[in-house]
N, C-alpha and C. Protein backbone atom coordinates (compact mmCIF):
# COMPACT_ATOMS: atom_id res chain seq x y z
N MET A 1 -18.82 12.75 22.26
CA MET A 1 -18.83 12.71 20.79
C MET A 1 -17.92 11.58 20.30
N GLU A 2 -18.42 10.72 19.43
CA GLU A 2 -17.64 9.59 18.95
C GLU A 2 -16.64 10.02 17.89
N VAL A 3 -15.46 9.44 17.96
CA VAL A 3 -14.45 9.68 16.94
C VAL A 3 -14.63 8.64 15.85
N PRO A 4 -14.79 9.06 14.56
CA PRO A 4 -14.99 8.10 13.49
C PRO A 4 -13.83 7.12 13.39
N MET A 5 -14.16 5.86 13.14
CA MET A 5 -13.14 4.83 12.98
C MET A 5 -12.41 5.05 11.66
N PRO A 6 -11.06 5.05 11.66
CA PRO A 6 -10.34 5.17 10.40
C PRO A 6 -10.78 4.08 9.43
N ARG A 7 -10.78 4.40 8.14
CA ARG A 7 -11.25 3.45 7.14
C ARG A 7 -10.18 3.24 6.07
N LEU A 8 -10.21 2.05 5.49
CA LEU A 8 -9.28 1.70 4.43
C LEU A 8 -10.05 1.45 3.16
N GLY A 9 -9.42 1.73 2.02
CA GLY A 9 -10.00 1.38 0.73
C GLY A 9 -11.38 1.97 0.54
N SER A 10 -12.31 1.16 0.06
CA SER A 10 -13.64 1.65 -0.28
C SER A 10 -14.58 1.65 0.91
N GLY A 11 -14.08 1.47 2.12
CA GLY A 11 -14.95 1.57 3.27
C GLY A 11 -14.80 0.49 4.31
N LEU A 12 -13.82 -0.39 4.18
CA LEU A 12 -13.60 -1.43 5.18
C LEU A 12 -13.04 -0.77 6.44
N ASP A 13 -13.71 -0.98 7.59
CA ASP A 13 -13.19 -0.36 8.80
C ASP A 13 -12.17 -1.26 9.47
N LEU A 14 -11.48 -0.72 10.46
CA LEU A 14 -10.37 -1.43 11.08
C LEU A 14 -10.82 -2.68 11.83
N THR A 15 -12.03 -2.64 12.38
CA THR A 15 -12.53 -3.82 13.09
C THR A 15 -12.71 -4.99 12.14
N ASP A 16 -13.31 -4.73 10.97
CA ASP A 16 -13.49 -5.79 9.97
C ASP A 16 -12.14 -6.28 9.44
N LEU A 17 -11.23 -5.35 9.21
CA LEU A 17 -9.90 -5.72 8.73
C LEU A 17 -9.22 -6.65 9.74
N GLY A 18 -9.26 -6.26 11.01
CA GLY A 18 -8.64 -7.08 12.05
C GLY A 18 -9.26 -8.45 12.16
N ALA A 19 -10.59 -8.51 12.01
CA ALA A 19 -11.29 -9.79 12.09
C ALA A 19 -10.87 -10.72 10.95
N ARG A 20 -10.66 -10.16 9.77
CA ARG A 20 -10.24 -10.99 8.64
C ARG A 20 -8.82 -11.52 8.84
N ILE A 21 -7.95 -10.68 9.36
CA ILE A 21 -6.58 -11.12 9.62
C ILE A 21 -6.58 -12.22 10.67
N ARG A 22 -7.35 -12.03 11.73
CA ARG A 22 -7.44 -13.04 12.78
C ARG A 22 -7.98 -14.36 12.23
N SER A 23 -9.00 -14.27 11.36
CA SER A 23 -9.59 -15.46 10.77
C SER A 23 -8.56 -16.23 9.94
N GLU A 24 -7.77 -15.51 9.14
CA GLU A 24 -6.74 -16.17 8.33
C GLU A 24 -5.67 -16.80 9.22
N ARG A 25 -5.33 -16.12 10.30
CA ARG A 25 -4.32 -16.67 11.22
C ARG A 25 -4.82 -17.95 11.89
N LEU A 26 -6.04 -17.90 12.40
CA LEU A 26 -6.58 -19.06 13.10
C LEU A 26 -6.83 -20.22 12.15
N ARG A 27 -7.18 -19.91 10.90
CA ARG A 27 -7.40 -20.98 9.92
C ARG A 27 -6.12 -21.78 9.69
N ARG A 28 -4.99 -21.13 9.92
CA ARG A 28 -3.70 -21.80 9.76
C ARG A 28 -3.16 -22.31 11.10
N HIS A 29 -3.97 -22.15 12.14
CA HIS A 29 -3.60 -22.63 13.48
C HIS A 29 -2.29 -22.01 13.97
N LEU A 30 -2.13 -20.71 13.75
CA LEU A 30 -0.93 -20.00 14.17
C LEU A 30 -1.23 -19.13 15.39
N SER A 31 -0.32 -19.11 16.33
CA SER A 31 -0.44 -18.20 17.47
C SER A 31 0.07 -16.82 17.05
N LEU A 32 -0.23 -15.82 17.86
CA LEU A 32 0.29 -14.48 17.59
C LEU A 32 1.81 -14.49 17.60
N GLU A 33 2.39 -15.28 18.50
CA GLU A 33 3.84 -15.33 18.62
C GLU A 33 4.49 -15.91 17.37
N VAL A 34 3.90 -16.97 16.83
CA VAL A 34 4.45 -17.59 15.62
C VAL A 34 4.31 -16.64 14.43
N LEU A 35 3.15 -16.03 14.29
CA LEU A 35 2.95 -15.08 13.19
C LEU A 35 3.91 -13.90 13.33
N SER A 36 4.15 -13.47 14.56
CA SER A 36 5.08 -12.38 14.80
C SER A 36 6.48 -12.73 14.31
N SER A 37 6.94 -13.93 14.63
CA SER A 37 8.29 -14.34 14.23
C SER A 37 8.41 -14.48 12.72
N GLN A 38 7.32 -14.84 12.05
CA GLN A 38 7.36 -15.04 10.60
C GLN A 38 7.18 -13.73 9.83
N SER A 39 6.48 -12.77 10.43
CA SER A 39 6.18 -11.52 9.72
C SER A 39 7.10 -10.37 10.11
N GLY A 40 7.75 -10.48 11.28
CA GLY A 40 8.55 -9.36 11.76
C GLY A 40 7.74 -8.27 12.42
N VAL A 41 6.45 -8.52 12.63
CA VAL A 41 5.55 -7.58 13.31
C VAL A 41 5.38 -8.06 14.74
N SER A 42 5.52 -7.16 15.71
CA SER A 42 5.47 -7.58 17.11
C SER A 42 4.11 -8.18 17.47
N SER A 43 4.10 -9.05 18.46
CA SER A 43 2.86 -9.68 18.91
C SER A 43 1.85 -8.65 19.39
N SER A 44 2.35 -7.63 20.10
CA SER A 44 1.44 -6.60 20.60
C SER A 44 0.81 -5.80 19.46
N MET A 45 1.61 -5.51 18.43
CA MET A 45 1.07 -4.81 17.27
C MET A 45 0.05 -5.68 16.55
N LEU A 46 0.35 -6.96 16.37
CA LEU A 46 -0.60 -7.87 15.73
C LEU A 46 -1.91 -7.93 16.50
N SER A 47 -1.81 -8.01 17.82
CA SER A 47 -3.01 -8.06 18.66
C SER A 47 -3.84 -6.80 18.49
N ASP A 48 -3.17 -5.64 18.48
CA ASP A 48 -3.88 -4.37 18.31
C ASP A 48 -4.55 -4.29 16.94
N ILE A 49 -3.86 -4.78 15.91
CA ILE A 49 -4.43 -4.76 14.56
C ILE A 49 -5.65 -5.66 14.49
N GLU A 50 -5.56 -6.86 15.05
CA GLU A 50 -6.68 -7.80 15.02
C GLU A 50 -7.89 -7.26 15.77
N ARG A 51 -7.65 -6.44 16.79
CA ARG A 51 -8.76 -5.87 17.56
C ARG A 51 -9.21 -4.52 17.02
N GLY A 52 -8.63 -4.09 15.89
CA GLY A 52 -9.03 -2.84 15.28
C GLY A 52 -8.58 -1.61 16.02
N LYS A 53 -7.49 -1.74 16.79
CA LYS A 53 -7.01 -0.63 17.61
C LYS A 53 -5.86 0.14 16.98
N LYS A 54 -5.24 -0.43 15.96
CA LYS A 54 -4.11 0.21 15.31
C LYS A 54 -4.32 0.25 13.81
N VAL A 55 -3.85 1.34 13.18
CA VAL A 55 -3.90 1.46 11.72
C VAL A 55 -2.57 0.96 11.16
N PRO A 56 -2.55 -0.19 10.52
CA PRO A 56 -1.28 -0.72 9.99
C PRO A 56 -0.89 -0.02 8.69
N SER A 57 0.40 0.12 8.46
CA SER A 57 0.87 0.63 7.18
C SER A 57 0.68 -0.45 6.12
N VAL A 58 0.79 -0.06 4.86
CA VAL A 58 0.67 -1.04 3.77
C VAL A 58 1.78 -2.08 3.89
N LEU A 59 2.98 -1.64 4.27
CA LEU A 59 4.10 -2.56 4.39
C LEU A 59 3.85 -3.59 5.49
N VAL A 60 3.29 -3.15 6.61
CA VAL A 60 2.97 -4.07 7.71
C VAL A 60 1.90 -5.06 7.27
N LEU A 61 0.85 -4.57 6.61
CA LEU A 61 -0.20 -5.46 6.11
C LEU A 61 0.37 -6.50 5.15
N ASP A 62 1.24 -6.04 4.27
CA ASP A 62 1.84 -6.95 3.30
C ASP A 62 2.72 -7.99 4.00
N SER A 63 3.43 -7.58 5.04
CA SER A 63 4.27 -8.52 5.78
C SER A 63 3.43 -9.60 6.45
N ILE A 64 2.28 -9.20 6.99
CA ILE A 64 1.38 -10.17 7.62
C ILE A 64 0.83 -11.13 6.57
N ALA A 65 0.39 -10.56 5.43
CA ALA A 65 -0.15 -11.40 4.35
C ALA A 65 0.89 -12.38 3.85
N THR A 66 2.13 -11.91 3.67
CA THR A 66 3.20 -12.77 3.19
C THR A 66 3.47 -13.91 4.16
N ALA A 67 3.50 -13.60 5.45
CA ALA A 67 3.73 -14.63 6.46
C ALA A 67 2.62 -15.67 6.48
N LEU A 68 1.41 -15.26 6.10
CA LEU A 68 0.27 -16.17 6.06
C LEU A 68 0.14 -16.89 4.71
N GLY A 69 1.03 -16.53 3.77
CA GLY A 69 0.98 -17.17 2.46
C GLY A 69 -0.20 -16.74 1.62
N THR A 70 -0.62 -15.49 1.80
CA THR A 70 -1.76 -14.98 1.05
C THR A 70 -1.45 -13.58 0.54
N SER A 71 -2.43 -12.92 -0.06
CA SER A 71 -2.24 -11.57 -0.58
C SER A 71 -2.96 -10.56 0.29
N LEU A 72 -2.50 -9.33 0.20
CA LEU A 72 -3.14 -8.25 0.96
C LEU A 72 -4.61 -8.11 0.59
N ALA A 73 -4.93 -8.39 -0.67
CA ALA A 73 -6.31 -8.24 -1.14
C ALA A 73 -7.28 -9.09 -0.34
N ARG A 74 -6.83 -10.25 0.13
CA ARG A 74 -7.72 -11.14 0.88
C ARG A 74 -8.16 -10.52 2.21
N PHE A 75 -7.38 -9.57 2.73
CA PHE A 75 -7.77 -8.87 3.95
C PHE A 75 -8.83 -7.80 3.68
N LEU A 76 -8.91 -7.34 2.43
CA LEU A 76 -9.74 -6.18 2.11
C LEU A 76 -11.04 -6.53 1.40
N GLU A 77 -11.08 -7.67 0.73
CA GLU A 77 -12.24 -8.01 -0.10
C GLU A 77 -12.84 -9.35 0.29
N GLU A 78 -14.12 -9.50 0.00
CA GLU A 78 -14.80 -10.78 0.17
C GLU A 78 -14.50 -11.66 -1.05
N GLU A 79 -14.47 -12.97 -0.84
CA GLU A 79 -14.30 -13.88 -1.97
C GLU A 79 -15.51 -13.80 -2.90
N GLN A 80 -15.24 -13.96 -4.20
CA GLN A 80 -16.30 -14.01 -5.20
C GLN A 80 -16.13 -15.27 -6.04
N GLN A 81 -17.24 -15.82 -6.51
CA GLN A 81 -17.18 -17.09 -7.23
C GLN A 81 -17.78 -17.04 -8.63
N ALA A 82 -18.23 -15.88 -9.07
CA ALA A 82 -18.83 -15.79 -10.40
C ALA A 82 -17.80 -16.07 -11.49
N LYS A 83 -18.28 -16.53 -12.65
CA LYS A 83 -17.39 -16.82 -13.76
C LYS A 83 -16.88 -15.54 -14.42
N VAL A 84 -17.65 -14.46 -14.32
CA VAL A 84 -17.23 -13.16 -14.85
C VAL A 84 -17.43 -12.13 -13.75
N ILE A 85 -16.39 -11.37 -13.44
CA ILE A 85 -16.47 -10.36 -12.38
C ILE A 85 -15.94 -9.04 -12.92
N VAL A 86 -16.77 -8.02 -12.91
CA VAL A 86 -16.37 -6.68 -13.33
C VAL A 86 -16.17 -5.83 -12.08
N LEU A 87 -15.01 -5.23 -11.95
CA LEU A 87 -14.74 -4.31 -10.84
C LEU A 87 -14.71 -2.89 -11.38
N ARG A 88 -15.77 -2.15 -11.14
CA ARG A 88 -15.80 -0.76 -11.56
C ARG A 88 -14.75 0.03 -10.76
N HIS A 89 -14.31 1.14 -11.34
CA HIS A 89 -13.26 1.93 -10.70
C HIS A 89 -13.61 2.28 -9.26
N ARG A 90 -14.86 2.65 -9.03
CA ARG A 90 -15.28 3.05 -7.68
C ARG A 90 -15.34 1.86 -6.71
N GLU A 91 -15.35 0.64 -7.23
CA GLU A 91 -15.45 -0.55 -6.40
C GLU A 91 -14.09 -1.14 -6.04
N GLN A 92 -13.04 -0.68 -6.69
CA GLN A 92 -11.71 -1.24 -6.46
C GLN A 92 -11.14 -0.76 -5.13
N GLU A 93 -10.55 -1.69 -4.40
CA GLU A 93 -9.94 -1.33 -3.12
C GLU A 93 -8.65 -0.53 -3.35
N VAL A 94 -8.49 0.53 -2.57
CA VAL A 94 -7.29 1.35 -2.64
C VAL A 94 -6.71 1.49 -1.24
N VAL A 95 -5.44 1.17 -1.09
CA VAL A 95 -4.78 1.37 0.19
C VAL A 95 -3.68 2.41 -0.01
N GLN A 96 -3.66 3.39 0.87
CA GLN A 96 -2.70 4.49 0.77
C GLN A 96 -1.76 4.47 1.97
N ASP A 97 -0.48 4.59 1.68
CA ASP A 97 0.51 4.64 2.75
C ASP A 97 0.89 6.09 3.01
N PRO A 98 0.99 6.50 4.27
CA PRO A 98 1.32 7.90 4.58
C PRO A 98 2.65 8.36 4.01
N SER A 99 3.54 7.43 3.70
CA SER A 99 4.85 7.83 3.18
C SER A 99 4.78 8.38 1.77
N GLY A 100 3.65 8.15 1.06
CA GLY A 100 3.51 8.76 -0.25
C GLY A 100 3.33 7.80 -1.40
N TRP A 101 2.64 6.69 -1.16
CA TRP A 101 2.34 5.79 -2.28
C TRP A 101 1.02 5.09 -2.03
N GLU A 102 0.42 4.61 -3.11
CA GLU A 102 -0.86 3.92 -2.98
C GLU A 102 -0.91 2.70 -3.88
N ARG A 103 -1.74 1.75 -3.48
CA ARG A 103 -1.93 0.51 -4.24
C ARG A 103 -3.42 0.36 -4.53
N ARG A 104 -3.75 0.22 -5.81
CA ARG A 104 -5.13 -0.02 -6.24
C ARG A 104 -5.23 -1.48 -6.68
N ILE A 105 -6.12 -2.23 -6.05
CA ILE A 105 -6.25 -3.65 -6.34
C ILE A 105 -7.26 -3.85 -7.46
N LEU A 106 -6.81 -4.45 -8.56
CA LEU A 106 -7.62 -4.58 -9.77
C LEU A 106 -8.24 -5.96 -9.94
N SER A 107 -7.85 -6.91 -9.11
CA SER A 107 -8.35 -8.28 -9.26
C SER A 107 -9.27 -8.65 -8.10
N PRO A 108 -10.25 -9.52 -8.35
CA PRO A 108 -11.11 -10.00 -7.27
C PRO A 108 -10.39 -11.07 -6.46
N VAL A 109 -10.92 -11.37 -5.29
CA VAL A 109 -10.40 -12.47 -4.46
C VAL A 109 -11.22 -13.71 -4.79
N LEU A 110 -10.53 -14.76 -5.23
CA LEU A 110 -11.19 -15.99 -5.66
C LEU A 110 -10.89 -17.12 -4.68
N PRO A 111 -11.82 -18.03 -4.47
CA PRO A 111 -11.60 -19.13 -3.52
C PRO A 111 -10.42 -20.01 -3.93
N GLY A 112 -9.49 -20.22 -3.01
CA GLY A 112 -8.39 -21.13 -3.25
C GLY A 112 -7.32 -20.64 -4.20
N ILE A 113 -7.42 -19.39 -4.64
CA ILE A 113 -6.43 -18.85 -5.59
C ILE A 113 -5.78 -17.62 -4.97
N GLU A 114 -4.45 -17.63 -4.89
CA GLU A 114 -3.72 -16.48 -4.36
C GLU A 114 -3.09 -15.73 -5.53
N PHE A 115 -3.79 -14.74 -6.00
CA PHE A 115 -3.39 -13.98 -7.19
C PHE A 115 -3.77 -12.53 -6.94
N GLU A 116 -2.88 -11.61 -7.29
CA GLU A 116 -3.22 -10.19 -7.11
C GLU A 116 -2.70 -9.39 -8.29
N PHE A 117 -3.58 -8.56 -8.84
CA PHE A 117 -3.26 -7.66 -9.94
C PHE A 117 -3.46 -6.26 -9.39
N MET A 118 -2.43 -5.43 -9.42
CA MET A 118 -2.54 -4.12 -8.78
C MET A 118 -1.88 -3.02 -9.61
N ARG A 119 -2.31 -1.80 -9.34
CA ARG A 119 -1.71 -0.61 -9.94
C ARG A 119 -1.18 0.25 -8.80
N THR A 120 0.12 0.51 -8.81
CA THR A 120 0.75 1.24 -7.72
C THR A 120 1.32 2.55 -8.22
N THR A 121 1.14 3.60 -7.43
CA THR A 121 1.72 4.91 -7.73
C THR A 121 2.59 5.33 -6.56
N ILE A 122 3.85 5.67 -6.85
CA ILE A 122 4.80 6.14 -5.84
C ILE A 122 5.18 7.57 -6.17
N LEU A 123 5.04 8.47 -5.21
CA LEU A 123 5.37 9.87 -5.43
C LEU A 123 6.88 10.06 -5.52
N PRO A 124 7.33 11.19 -6.10
CA PRO A 124 8.77 11.44 -6.26
C PRO A 124 9.52 11.38 -4.93
N GLY A 125 10.68 10.72 -4.96
CA GLY A 125 11.53 10.66 -3.78
C GLY A 125 11.09 9.70 -2.70
N VAL A 126 10.06 8.91 -2.96
CA VAL A 126 9.51 8.02 -1.93
C VAL A 126 10.09 6.61 -2.06
N ASP A 127 10.49 6.07 -0.92
CA ASP A 127 10.93 4.68 -0.82
C ASP A 127 9.80 3.91 -0.15
N ALA A 128 9.21 2.95 -0.87
CA ALA A 128 8.06 2.21 -0.33
C ALA A 128 8.47 1.15 0.68
N GLY A 129 9.78 0.91 0.85
CA GLY A 129 10.24 -0.05 1.84
C GLY A 129 10.58 -1.40 1.23
N VAL A 130 11.07 -2.29 2.09
CA VAL A 130 11.48 -3.63 1.66
C VAL A 130 10.39 -4.63 2.01
N PHE A 131 9.95 -5.38 1.02
CA PHE A 131 8.90 -6.38 1.20
C PHE A 131 9.52 -7.75 1.39
N LEU A 132 8.90 -8.55 2.26
CA LEU A 132 9.42 -9.87 2.58
C LEU A 132 9.29 -10.84 1.41
N PRO A 133 10.14 -11.86 1.34
CA PRO A 133 10.01 -12.88 0.30
C PRO A 133 8.70 -13.65 0.46
N HIS A 134 8.07 -13.94 -0.66
CA HIS A 134 6.91 -14.82 -0.66
C HIS A 134 7.40 -16.27 -0.70
N GLY A 135 6.47 -17.21 -0.66
CA GLY A 135 6.84 -18.61 -0.64
C GLY A 135 7.49 -19.07 -1.94
N THR A 136 8.18 -20.20 -1.85
CA THR A 136 8.80 -20.80 -3.03
C THR A 136 7.73 -21.10 -4.08
N GLY A 137 8.03 -20.74 -5.32
CA GLY A 137 7.07 -20.94 -6.40
C GLY A 137 6.25 -19.71 -6.72
N SER A 138 6.40 -18.64 -5.94
CA SER A 138 5.66 -17.40 -6.22
C SER A 138 6.34 -16.65 -7.36
N ARG A 139 5.55 -15.85 -8.07
CA ARG A 139 6.05 -15.11 -9.22
C ARG A 139 5.47 -13.71 -9.22
N GLU A 140 6.26 -12.75 -9.70
CA GLU A 140 5.78 -11.38 -9.84
C GLU A 140 6.19 -10.83 -11.21
N TYR A 141 5.29 -10.03 -11.77
CA TYR A 141 5.51 -9.41 -13.08
C TYR A 141 5.19 -7.92 -12.94
N ILE A 142 6.04 -7.07 -13.49
CA ILE A 142 5.84 -5.62 -13.39
C ILE A 142 5.91 -5.00 -14.77
N ALA A 143 5.04 -4.02 -15.02
CA ALA A 143 5.12 -3.19 -16.22
C ALA A 143 4.97 -1.74 -15.78
N VAL A 144 5.93 -0.90 -16.14
CA VAL A 144 5.92 0.50 -15.72
C VAL A 144 5.11 1.32 -16.72
N GLU A 145 4.13 2.04 -16.21
CA GLU A 145 3.28 2.88 -17.06
C GLU A 145 3.90 4.26 -17.27
N GLU A 146 4.38 4.88 -16.19
CA GLU A 146 5.01 6.19 -16.31
C GLU A 146 6.04 6.39 -15.20
N GLY A 147 7.01 7.26 -15.47
CA GLY A 147 8.04 7.53 -14.48
C GLY A 147 9.15 6.49 -14.50
N THR A 148 9.96 6.52 -13.46
CA THR A 148 11.09 5.59 -13.32
C THR A 148 10.97 4.84 -12.00
N LEU A 149 11.08 3.53 -12.08
CA LEU A 149 11.00 2.69 -10.89
C LEU A 149 12.35 2.06 -10.61
N GLN A 150 12.83 2.23 -9.37
CA GLN A 150 14.02 1.50 -8.93
C GLN A 150 13.55 0.28 -8.16
N LEU A 151 13.78 -0.88 -8.74
CA LEU A 151 13.39 -2.15 -8.12
C LEU A 151 14.65 -2.84 -7.61
N THR A 152 14.65 -3.21 -6.33
CA THR A 152 15.81 -3.88 -5.74
C THR A 152 15.41 -5.29 -5.32
N LEU A 153 16.09 -6.29 -5.88
CA LEU A 153 15.81 -7.69 -5.60
C LEU A 153 17.01 -8.32 -4.92
N ASN A 154 16.87 -8.62 -3.63
CA ASN A 154 17.99 -9.19 -2.86
C ASN A 154 19.27 -8.39 -3.05
N GLY A 155 19.15 -7.07 -3.04
CA GLY A 155 20.32 -6.20 -3.12
C GLY A 155 20.73 -5.78 -4.52
N THR A 156 20.19 -6.41 -5.55
CA THR A 156 20.51 -6.05 -6.94
C THR A 156 19.49 -5.04 -7.44
N VAL A 157 19.98 -3.93 -8.00
CA VAL A 157 19.11 -2.83 -8.41
C VAL A 157 18.81 -2.91 -9.91
N TYR A 158 17.53 -2.71 -10.25
CA TYR A 158 17.08 -2.65 -11.64
C TYR A 158 16.33 -1.34 -11.83
N LEU A 159 16.74 -0.54 -12.82
CA LEU A 159 16.05 0.71 -13.12
C LEU A 159 15.11 0.47 -14.30
N LEU A 160 13.85 0.74 -14.10
CA LEU A 160 12.84 0.50 -15.12
C LEU A 160 12.19 1.82 -15.53
N GLN A 161 12.15 2.07 -16.82
CA GLN A 161 11.53 3.28 -17.36
C GLN A 161 10.13 2.95 -17.87
N ALA A 162 9.38 4.00 -18.20
CA ALA A 162 8.04 3.81 -18.76
C ALA A 162 8.11 2.89 -19.97
N GLY A 163 7.26 1.87 -19.97
CA GLY A 163 7.23 0.90 -21.06
C GLY A 163 8.03 -0.36 -20.78
N ASP A 164 8.91 -0.32 -19.77
CA ASP A 164 9.71 -1.50 -19.43
C ASP A 164 8.89 -2.48 -18.60
N SER A 165 9.29 -3.75 -18.66
CA SER A 165 8.64 -4.77 -17.84
C SER A 165 9.70 -5.71 -17.30
N ILE A 166 9.34 -6.45 -16.25
CA ILE A 166 10.28 -7.37 -15.62
C ILE A 166 9.50 -8.52 -14.98
N TYR A 167 10.11 -9.69 -14.98
CA TYR A 167 9.59 -10.85 -14.25
C TYR A 167 10.64 -11.28 -13.24
N TYR A 168 10.21 -11.73 -12.06
CA TYR A 168 11.14 -12.29 -11.09
C TYR A 168 10.39 -13.25 -10.17
N THR A 169 11.14 -14.18 -9.60
CA THR A 169 10.53 -15.07 -8.63
C THR A 169 10.29 -14.28 -7.35
N GLY A 170 9.16 -14.53 -6.70
CA GLY A 170 8.77 -13.71 -5.56
C GLY A 170 9.42 -14.10 -4.25
N ASP A 171 10.24 -15.16 -4.25
CA ASP A 171 10.84 -15.62 -3.00
C ASP A 171 12.15 -14.89 -2.70
N CYS A 172 12.12 -13.56 -2.79
CA CYS A 172 13.29 -12.73 -2.50
C CYS A 172 12.81 -11.44 -1.85
N HIS A 173 13.72 -10.76 -1.15
CA HIS A 173 13.38 -9.43 -0.64
C HIS A 173 13.27 -8.48 -1.83
N HIS A 174 12.22 -7.68 -1.87
CA HIS A 174 12.05 -6.77 -2.99
C HIS A 174 11.62 -5.39 -2.47
N ALA A 175 12.21 -4.35 -3.07
CA ALA A 175 11.96 -2.98 -2.64
C ALA A 175 11.66 -2.10 -3.84
N PHE A 176 10.79 -1.10 -3.63
CA PHE A 176 10.34 -0.23 -4.70
C PHE A 176 10.61 1.22 -4.31
N THR A 177 11.31 1.96 -5.19
CA THR A 177 11.68 3.34 -4.90
C THR A 177 11.48 4.19 -6.14
N ASN A 178 11.02 5.42 -5.94
CA ASN A 178 10.91 6.38 -7.03
C ASN A 178 11.93 7.49 -6.79
N LEU A 179 13.03 7.46 -7.53
CA LEU A 179 14.07 8.48 -7.39
C LEU A 179 13.88 9.61 -8.39
N GLY A 180 12.82 9.54 -9.19
CA GLY A 180 12.59 10.55 -10.21
C GLY A 180 11.92 11.81 -9.68
N GLU A 181 11.59 12.70 -10.59
CA GLU A 181 10.99 13.99 -10.23
C GLU A 181 9.50 14.02 -10.49
N LYS A 182 8.94 12.92 -10.96
CA LYS A 182 7.49 12.85 -11.17
C LYS A 182 6.99 11.50 -10.66
N PRO A 183 5.69 11.38 -10.43
CA PRO A 183 5.16 10.11 -9.91
C PRO A 183 5.50 8.94 -10.82
N CYS A 184 5.70 7.79 -10.22
CA CYS A 184 5.92 6.55 -10.96
C CYS A 184 4.70 5.66 -10.77
N THR A 185 4.14 5.20 -11.86
CA THR A 185 2.99 4.30 -11.81
C THR A 185 3.34 3.00 -12.54
N TYR A 186 3.05 1.90 -11.89
CA TYR A 186 3.35 0.60 -12.51
C TYR A 186 2.27 -0.41 -12.15
N TYR A 187 2.16 -1.43 -12.99
CA TYR A 187 1.24 -2.54 -12.75
C TYR A 187 2.05 -3.74 -12.26
N LEU A 188 1.51 -4.45 -11.29
CA LEU A 188 2.19 -5.62 -10.74
C LEU A 188 1.21 -6.78 -10.65
N VAL A 189 1.63 -7.92 -11.15
CA VAL A 189 0.85 -9.16 -11.02
C VAL A 189 1.62 -10.10 -10.12
N MET A 190 0.95 -10.65 -9.13
CA MET A 190 1.60 -11.54 -8.17
C MET A 190 0.84 -12.86 -8.09
N GLU A 191 1.58 -13.95 -8.24
CA GLU A 191 1.03 -15.30 -8.08
C GLU A 191 1.69 -15.95 -6.87
N ILE A 192 0.90 -16.51 -5.98
CA ILE A 192 1.43 -17.21 -4.81
C ILE A 192 0.86 -18.62 -4.81
N PRO A 193 1.70 -19.64 -4.76
CA PRO A 193 1.16 -21.01 -4.71
C PRO A 193 0.38 -21.22 -3.42
N PRO A 194 -0.71 -21.96 -3.47
CA PRO A 194 -1.51 -22.19 -2.26
C PRO A 194 -0.67 -22.83 -1.17
N SER A 195 -0.80 -22.31 0.05
CA SER A 195 -0.08 -22.91 1.18
C SER A 195 -1.01 -23.88 1.89
N PRO A 196 -0.54 -25.07 2.18
CA PRO A 196 -1.41 -26.05 2.86
C PRO A 196 -1.79 -25.57 4.25
N VAL A 197 -3.06 -25.73 4.58
CA VAL A 197 -3.52 -25.38 5.92
C VAL A 197 -3.28 -26.57 6.83
N PRO A 198 -2.55 -26.37 7.94
CA PRO A 198 -2.26 -27.50 8.83
C PRO A 198 -3.54 -28.19 9.30
N HIS A 199 -3.50 -29.51 9.34
CA HIS A 199 -4.65 -30.27 9.81
C HIS A 199 -4.43 -30.64 11.27
N VAL A 200 -5.39 -30.31 12.09
CA VAL A 200 -5.27 -30.59 13.51
C VAL A 200 -6.06 -31.85 13.84
N HIS A 201 -5.41 -32.82 14.45
CA HIS A 201 -6.08 -34.06 14.84
C HIS A 201 -6.69 -33.89 16.23
N HIS A 202 -7.95 -34.16 16.34
CA HIS A 202 -8.62 -34.07 17.63
C HIS A 202 -8.81 -35.47 18.21
N ARG A 203 -8.49 -35.61 19.46
CA ARG A 203 -8.63 -36.93 20.10
C ARG A 203 -9.83 -36.93 21.04
């Protein structure tokens, strides 16, 4: 009897996810070892993820995306080129972390543009972990819809209540925690400047 393959979001299986990560890595001419050193994810774990053998946490996926200079959304969605794109609620990718938080991706993946618009919900008492700095020139914007968000930027703590918003440069360590007694939901917009793809000279 076959064991069903774990699935992410609206139905992307682990094999497809791994293939997309591998494609992004090879497009940048990076070895597993180099990506490992830049992302903090072991080479063996990266290999297992690329082969669809391991279920990565959201934090691990984000670390890989950050090291590649892209967004997590690019691992989950196909690029779209239409001038107008409507994403119905049922079509939006959702990634859930076992620790008690989820990220709903509200923006499409566009060619040559690294931009992500997301809605995140963190359950009470949950620490979503520390996210790696993005490249120089990256920007993030947050607006809290409900609850209280503790945002830590390079060790400095900011408490945000429902209705509050904040902007910060994305090239810093950033952590998200819900110390309240009810779920915290917030919107986050992330801009990442395009990273040049190394050009390989063939002789």
